[in-house]
Amino acid sequence: MDPLNGRGFPLRLFLAFLEFKTKMAQQAEADLSSLLDRLKAAQRDLVLTAAKSTALPSDGMLRKISELEGAIAATEALIQEEGDRR
């Protein structure tokens, strides 16, 4: 038994686990941030394309812009949750 943690769990192993968990959380946050950037860029491109036209955007384009907004909101919520867990 390791006297420093009192649980029979080697302290070095426990610290290695915490380090691994932290790195995984950081990687997940980086992945989510990258996804968020791509989603925002895609939505921005669609909006700018729609703005260049004198006609109303097609239903499909409006639907895609709306779907991207939902994906952006969901990704931002996950980023917030990950930050709250730390």
N, C-alpha and C. Protein backbone atom coordinates (compact mmCIF):
# COMPACT_ATOMS: atom_id res chain seq x y z
N MET A 1 0.85 -1.18 0.00
CA MET A 1 0.00 0.00 0.00
C MET A 1 0.89 1.24 0.00
N ASP A 2 0.52 2.21 -0.80
CA ASP A 2 1.25 3.46 -0.89
C ASP A 2 0.81 4.36 0.26
N PRO A 3 1.71 4.74 1.14
CA PRO A 3 1.32 5.54 2.29
C PRO A 3 0.84 6.95 1.92
N LEU A 4 1.15 7.42 0.71
CA LEU A 4 0.77 8.78 0.36
C LEU A 4 -0.70 8.91 -0.04
N ASN A 5 -1.29 7.83 -0.55
CA ASN A 5 -2.69 7.96 -0.94
C ASN A 5 -3.61 7.05 -0.13
N GLY A 6 -3.07 6.13 0.63
CA GLY A 6 -3.84 5.33 1.56
C GLY A 6 -4.85 4.40 0.94
N ARG A 7 -4.77 4.12 -0.34
CA ARG A 7 -5.78 3.27 -0.99
C ARG A 7 -5.18 2.01 -1.60
N GLY A 8 -3.93 1.80 -1.41
CA GLY A 8 -3.31 0.63 -2.01
C GLY A 8 -3.07 0.83 -3.51
N PHE A 9 -3.21 2.05 -3.97
CA PHE A 9 -3.04 2.37 -5.38
C PHE A 9 -1.74 3.15 -5.51
N PRO A 10 -0.77 2.67 -6.26
CA PRO A 10 0.52 3.36 -6.35
C PRO A 10 0.35 4.81 -6.79
N LEU A 11 0.95 5.70 -6.06
CA LEU A 11 0.82 7.13 -6.33
C LEU A 11 1.28 7.48 -7.73
N ARG A 12 2.37 6.87 -8.18
CA ARG A 12 2.87 7.17 -9.53
C ARG A 12 1.85 6.81 -10.59
N LEU A 13 1.19 5.69 -10.42
CA LEU A 13 0.17 5.25 -11.37
C LEU A 13 -1.02 6.22 -11.35
N PHE A 14 -1.40 6.63 -10.16
CA PHE A 14 -2.50 7.58 -10.02
C PHE A 14 -2.16 8.91 -10.70
N LEU A 15 -0.95 9.42 -10.49
CA LEU A 15 -0.53 10.67 -11.10
C LEU A 15 -0.43 10.53 -12.62
N ALA A 16 0.02 9.39 -13.09
CA ALA A 16 0.09 9.15 -14.54
C ALA A 16 -1.32 9.14 -15.13
N PHE A 17 -2.26 8.54 -14.41
CA PHE A 17 -3.65 8.54 -14.86
C PHE A 17 -4.20 9.95 -14.94
N LEU A 18 -3.95 10.77 -13.93
CA LEU A 18 -4.42 12.16 -13.95
C LEU A 18 -3.82 12.94 -15.11
N GLU A 19 -2.54 12.72 -15.36
CA GLU A 19 -1.87 13.40 -16.48
C GLU A 19 -2.49 12.97 -17.81
N PHE A 20 -2.75 11.68 -17.95
CA PHE A 20 -3.37 11.15 -19.17
C PHE A 20 -4.77 11.75 -19.36
N LYS A 21 -5.54 11.78 -18.29
CA LYS A 21 -6.90 12.31 -18.35
C LYS A 21 -6.88 13.79 -18.73
N THR A 22 -5.94 14.54 -18.20
CA THR A 22 -5.81 15.96 -18.52
C THR A 22 -5.46 16.15 -19.99
N LYS A 23 -4.52 15.34 -20.49
CA LYS A 23 -4.13 15.44 -21.89
C LYS A 23 -5.30 15.08 -22.81
N MET A 24 -6.08 14.08 -22.44
CA MET A 24 -7.24 13.70 -23.24
C MET A 24 -8.27 14.82 -23.26
N ALA A 25 -8.50 15.46 -22.13
CA ALA A 25 -9.45 16.58 -22.06
C ALA A 25 -8.96 17.75 -22.91
N GLN A 26 -7.67 18.02 -22.85
CA GLN A 26 -7.10 19.10 -23.65
C GLN A 26 -7.22 18.79 -25.13
N GLN A 27 -7.00 17.53 -25.51
CA GLN A 27 -7.11 17.14 -26.91
C GLN A 27 -8.56 17.25 -27.38
N ALA A 28 -9.50 16.83 -26.53
CA ALA A 28 -10.92 16.93 -26.88
C ALA A 28 -11.31 18.39 -27.08
N GLU A 29 -10.84 19.26 -26.21
CA GLU A 29 -11.15 20.68 -26.33
C GLU A 29 -10.54 21.26 -27.60
N ALA A 30 -9.33 20.85 -27.94
CA ALA A 30 -8.69 21.32 -29.17
C ALA A 30 -9.45 20.82 -30.40
N ASP A 31 -9.88 19.57 -30.36
CA ASP A 31 -10.66 19.00 -31.46
C ASP A 31 -11.99 19.74 -31.63
N LEU A 32 -12.65 20.03 -30.52
CA LEU A 32 -13.92 20.76 -30.58
C LEU A 32 -13.72 22.17 -31.10
N SER A 33 -12.66 22.82 -30.68
CA SER A 33 -12.37 24.18 -31.16
C SER A 33 -12.10 24.19 -32.66
N SER A 34 -11.39 23.19 -33.12
CA SER A 34 -11.12 23.07 -34.56
C SER A 34 -12.42 22.84 -35.33
N LEU A 35 -13.26 21.97 -34.82
CA LEU A 35 -14.56 21.72 -35.44
C LEU A 35 -15.38 23.01 -35.48
N LEU A 36 -15.40 23.74 -34.37
CA LEU A 36 -16.16 24.98 -34.30
C LEU A 36 -15.68 25.98 -35.35
N ASP A 37 -14.39 26.09 -35.51
CA ASP A 37 -13.84 27.00 -36.53
C ASP A 37 -14.30 26.60 -37.93
N ARG A 38 -14.28 25.30 -38.22
CA ARG A 38 -14.70 24.83 -39.54
C ARG A 38 -16.19 25.06 -39.78
N LEU A 39 -17.00 24.80 -38.76
CA LEU A 39 -18.44 25.02 -38.89
C LEU A 39 -18.76 26.50 -39.14
N LYS A 40 -18.11 27.38 -38.37
CA LYS A 40 -18.33 28.81 -38.54
C LYS A 40 -17.88 29.29 -39.92
N ALA A 41 -16.75 28.78 -40.39
CA ALA A 41 -16.25 29.16 -41.71
C ALA A 41 -17.23 28.71 -42.80
N ALA A 42 -17.74 27.49 -42.68
CA ALA A 42 -18.69 26.98 -43.67
C ALA A 42 -19.96 27.82 -43.68
N GLN A 43 -20.45 28.16 -42.49
CA GLN A 43 -21.67 28.97 -42.41
C GLN A 43 -21.42 30.37 -42.98
N ARG A 44 -20.28 30.94 -42.65
CA ARG A 44 -19.93 32.28 -43.14
C ARG A 44 -19.86 32.28 -44.66
N ASP A 45 -19.24 31.25 -45.23
CA ASP A 45 -19.13 31.16 -46.69
C ASP A 45 -20.52 31.10 -47.33
N LEU A 46 -21.42 30.33 -46.75
CA LEU A 46 -22.78 30.24 -47.29
C LEU A 46 -23.50 31.58 -47.20
N VAL A 47 -23.38 32.25 -46.08
CA VAL A 47 -24.05 33.54 -45.91
C VAL A 47 -23.47 34.57 -46.89
N LEU A 48 -22.17 34.58 -47.05
CA LEU A 48 -21.56 35.53 -48.00
C LEU A 48 -21.97 35.21 -49.44
N THR A 49 -22.06 33.95 -49.77
CA THR A 49 -22.52 33.55 -51.10
C THR A 49 -23.96 34.01 -51.32
N ALA A 50 -24.80 33.82 -50.31
CA ALA A 50 -26.19 34.26 -50.41
C ALA A 50 -26.27 35.78 -50.54
N ALA A 51 -25.39 36.49 -49.87
CA ALA A 51 -25.41 37.95 -49.90
C ALA A 51 -25.03 38.50 -51.28
N LYS A 52 -24.22 37.77 -52.02
CA LYS A 52 -23.78 38.23 -53.34
C LYS A 52 -24.91 38.18 -54.38
N SER A 53 -25.88 37.35 -54.13
CA SER A 53 -26.97 37.18 -55.08
C SER A 53 -28.05 38.23 -54.85
N THR A 54 -28.71 38.60 -55.94
CA THR A 54 -29.83 39.55 -55.81
C THR A 54 -31.12 38.82 -55.46
N ALA A 55 -31.14 37.51 -55.65
CA ALA A 55 -32.33 36.71 -55.34
C ALA A 55 -32.26 36.21 -53.90
N LEU A 56 -33.39 35.75 -53.43
CA LEU A 56 -33.41 35.12 -52.10
C LEU A 56 -32.62 33.82 -52.15
N PRO A 57 -31.99 33.45 -51.04
CA PRO A 57 -31.28 32.16 -51.02
C PRO A 57 -32.29 31.01 -51.18
N SER A 58 -31.81 29.93 -51.74
CA SER A 58 -32.68 28.76 -51.92
C SER A 58 -33.05 28.18 -50.56
N ASP A 59 -34.13 27.40 -50.56
CA ASP A 59 -34.54 26.74 -49.32
C ASP A 59 -33.43 25.83 -48.80
N GLY A 60 -32.75 25.17 -49.71
CA GLY A 60 -31.66 24.29 -49.32
C GLY A 60 -30.52 25.03 -48.65
N MET A 61 -30.19 26.21 -49.20
CA MET A 61 -29.11 27.00 -48.60
C MET A 61 -29.53 27.51 -47.22
N LEU A 62 -30.77 27.98 -47.12
CA LEU A 62 -31.26 28.44 -45.81
C LEU A 62 -31.27 27.30 -44.80
N ARG A 63 -31.66 26.12 -45.24
CA ARG A 63 -31.69 24.96 -44.36
C ARG A 63 -30.27 24.62 -43.88
N LYS A 64 -29.32 24.66 -44.81
CA LYS A 64 -27.93 24.35 -44.45
C LYS A 64 -27.38 25.37 -43.46
N ILE A 65 -27.66 26.65 -43.68
CA ILE A 65 -27.22 27.70 -42.76
C ILE A 65 -27.81 27.45 -41.37
N SER A 66 -29.09 27.08 -41.34
CA SER A 66 -29.76 26.80 -40.07
C SER A 66 -29.17 25.55 -39.39
N GLU A 67 -28.92 24.52 -40.17
CA GLU A 67 -28.33 23.30 -39.60
C GLU A 67 -26.95 23.58 -39.03
N LEU A 68 -26.18 24.39 -39.74
CA LEU A 68 -24.85 24.76 -39.24
C LEU A 68 -24.96 25.54 -37.94
N GLU A 69 -25.98 26.40 -37.83
CA GLU A 69 -26.18 27.16 -36.59
C GLU A 69 -26.43 26.21 -35.42
N GLY A 70 -27.22 25.18 -35.66
CA GLY A 70 -27.47 24.18 -34.61
C GLY A 70 -26.20 23.43 -34.23
N ALA A 71 -25.41 23.07 -35.22
CA ALA A 71 -24.16 22.36 -34.95
C ALA A 71 -23.17 23.26 -34.21
N ILE A 72 -23.15 24.53 -34.56
CA ILE A 72 -22.28 25.49 -33.88
C ILE A 72 -22.70 25.61 -32.41
N ALA A 73 -23.99 25.75 -32.17
CA ALA A 73 -24.48 25.87 -30.79
C ALA A 73 -24.16 24.61 -29.99
N ALA A 74 -24.34 23.45 -30.58
CA ALA A 74 -24.04 22.19 -29.88
C ALA A 74 -22.56 22.08 -29.57
N THR A 75 -21.72 22.48 -30.50
CA THR A 75 -20.27 22.41 -30.29
C THR A 75 -19.84 23.39 -29.20
N GLU A 76 -20.40 24.59 -29.23
CA GLU A 76 -20.09 25.57 -28.18
C GLU A 76 -20.53 25.06 -26.80
N ALA A 77 -21.67 24.39 -26.75
CA ALA A 77 -22.14 23.83 -25.47
C ALA A 77 -21.18 22.75 -24.97
N LEU A 78 -20.69 21.90 -25.87
CA LEU A 78 -19.74 20.87 -25.46
C LEU A 78 -18.43 21.47 -24.97
N ILE A 79 -17.97 22.51 -25.65
CA ILE A 79 -16.75 23.19 -25.21
C ILE A 79 -16.95 23.75 -23.81
N GLN A 80 -18.11 24.35 -23.57
CA GLN A 80 -18.42 24.90 -22.25
C GLN A 80 -18.45 23.78 -21.20
N GLU A 81 -19.07 22.66 -21.53
CA GLU A 81 -19.13 21.53 -20.59
C GLU A 81 -17.74 21.01 -20.26
N GLU A 82 -16.90 20.90 -21.28
CA GLU A 82 -15.53 20.43 -21.05
C GLU A 82 -14.79 21.40 -20.13
N GLY A 83 -14.99 22.69 -20.34
CA GLY A 83 -14.34 23.69 -19.49
C GLY A 83 -14.85 23.63 -18.06
N ASP A 84 -16.14 23.37 -17.89
CA ASP A 84 -16.71 23.28 -16.54
C ASP A 84 -16.22 22.07 -15.77
N ARG A 85 -15.85 21.01 -16.48
CA ARG A 85 -15.37 19.79 -15.83
C ARG A 85 -13.98 19.95 -15.26
N ARG A 86 -13.25 20.93 -15.75
CA ARG A 86 -11.86 21.12 -15.31
C ARG A 86 -11.78 21.97 -14.12
